[in-house]
């Protein structure tokens, strides 16, 4: 992402989500969290971005963090669909 910024390419919401998803899959959750925090700061988060992070936390066995994020969705103006709930149930 830094290379994109250096060359003048401005990442958009889709770019951020693809990066978060890839980082979660590569077990680089802390970097995905950083990008997700950036989305929240820019008020670009939505259900899809939350789902990516909830899935990432679940894959790492961090179910309490996934549940906490699920509970914080509504506070940030997002209303969960069935995907995060299903992910949490599958990982129990």
Protein backbone atom coordinates (compact mmCIF):
# COMPACT_ATOMS: atom_id res chain seq x y z
CA UNK A 1 0.00 0.00 0.00
CA UNK A 2 2.86 2.36 0.74
CA UNK A 3 4.22 1.73 -2.77
CA UNK A 4 0.84 2.74 -4.18
CA UNK A 5 0.91 5.99 -2.25
CA UNK A 6 4.51 6.70 -3.30
CA UNK A 7 3.57 6.35 -6.97
CA UNK A 8 0.50 8.55 -6.55
CA UNK A 9 -2.10 5.80 -6.74
CA UNK A 10 -4.83 6.47 -4.22
CA UNK A 11 -6.32 3.27 -2.81
CA UNK A 12 -10.11 3.11 -2.67
CA UNK A 13 -12.54 1.09 -0.59
CA UNK A 14 -12.26 -1.99 -2.82
CA UNK A 15 -8.47 -1.88 -2.64
CA UNK A 16 -8.58 -1.70 1.14
CA UNK A 17 -10.99 -4.65 1.38
CA UNK A 18 -8.91 -6.79 -0.97
CA UNK A 19 -5.81 -6.01 1.08
CA UNK A 20 -7.56 -6.79 4.38
CA UNK A 21 -8.87 -10.09 3.05
CA UNK A 22 -5.48 -11.11 1.68
CA UNK A 23 -3.70 -10.14 4.89
CA UNK A 24 -6.19 -12.15 6.96
CA UNK A 25 -5.66 -15.16 4.68
CA UNK A 26 -1.89 -14.77 5.05
CA UNK A 27 -2.21 -14.72 8.85
CA UNK A 28 -1.12 -11.08 9.02
CA UNK A 29 -4.08 -10.01 11.10
CA UNK A 30 -2.41 -7.04 12.79
CA UNK A 31 -1.80 -5.42 9.40
CA UNK A 32 -5.41 -6.08 8.38
CA UNK A 33 -6.55 -4.44 11.63
CA UNK A 34 -4.47 -1.36 10.76
CA UNK A 35 -6.20 -1.06 7.39
CA UNK A 36 -9.60 -1.64 8.96
CA UNK A 37 -8.86 1.14 11.46
CA UNK A 38 -8.01 3.40 8.55
CA UNK A 39 -11.38 2.59 6.94
CA UNK A 40 -13.16 3.46 10.18
CA UNK A 41 -11.23 6.73 10.46
CA UNK A 42 -12.30 7.58 6.89
CA UNK A 43 -15.87 6.41 7.68
CA UNK A 44 -15.69 3.92 4.80
CA UNK A 45 -16.49 0.77 6.77
CA UNK A 46 -19.52 -1.32 5.88
CA UNK A 47 -20.85 -4.80 6.53
CA UNK A 48 -18.48 -6.35 3.98
CA UNK A 49 -15.39 -4.87 5.66
CA UNK A 50 -16.62 -5.99 9.08
CA UNK A 51 -17.26 -9.50 7.71
CA UNK A 52 -13.67 -9.68 6.46
CA UNK A 53 -12.30 -8.77 9.87
CA UNK A 54 -14.67 -11.04 11.78
CA UNK A 55 -13.64 -13.92 9.52
CA UNK A 56 -9.98 -13.03 10.11
CA UNK A 57 -10.38 -13.04 13.89
CA UNK A 58 -12.24 -16.35 13.75
CA UNK A 59 -9.52 -17.95 11.60
CA UNK A 60 -6.96 -16.97 14.24
CA UNK A 61 -9.14 -18.38 17.01
CA UNK A 62 -9.83 -14.93 18.43
CA UNK A 63 -13.55 -15.49 18.90
CA UNK A 64 -13.90 -12.93 21.69
CA UNK A 65 -12.42 -10.24 19.40
CA UNK A 66 -14.73 -11.33 16.57
CA UNK A 67 -17.73 -11.15 18.90
CA UNK A 68 -16.63 -7.73 20.18
CA UNK A 69 -16.34 -6.45 16.61
CA UNK A 70 -19.77 -7.85 15.79
CA UNK A 71 -21.23 -5.99 18.76
CA UNK A 72 -19.48 -2.75 17.72
CA UNK A 73 -20.87 -2.82 14.19
CA UNK A 74 -24.13 -1.12 15.09
CA UNK A 75 -22.31 1.54 17.11
CA UNK A 76 -20.47 2.44 13.90
CA UNK A 77 -23.61 2.56 11.77
CA UNK A 78 -23.41 -0.95 10.31
CA UNK A 79 -26.01 -3.61 10.83
CA UNK A 80 -24.81 -7.21 10.62
CA UNK A 81 -26.19 -9.65 8.10
CA UNK A 82 -26.12 -13.40 8.60
CA UNK A 83 -22.48 -13.83 7.49
CA UNK A 84 -20.69 -12.83 10.72
CA UNK A 85 -23.11 -14.79 12.87
CA UNK A 86 -22.63 -17.89 10.74
CA UNK A 87 -18.84 -17.47 10.86
CA UNK A 88 -18.87 -17.23 14.65
CA UNK A 89 -21.11 -20.28 14.96
CA UNK A 90 -18.92 -22.32 12.61
CA UNK A 91 -15.83 -21.52 14.65
CA UNK A 92 -17.31 -22.42 18.04
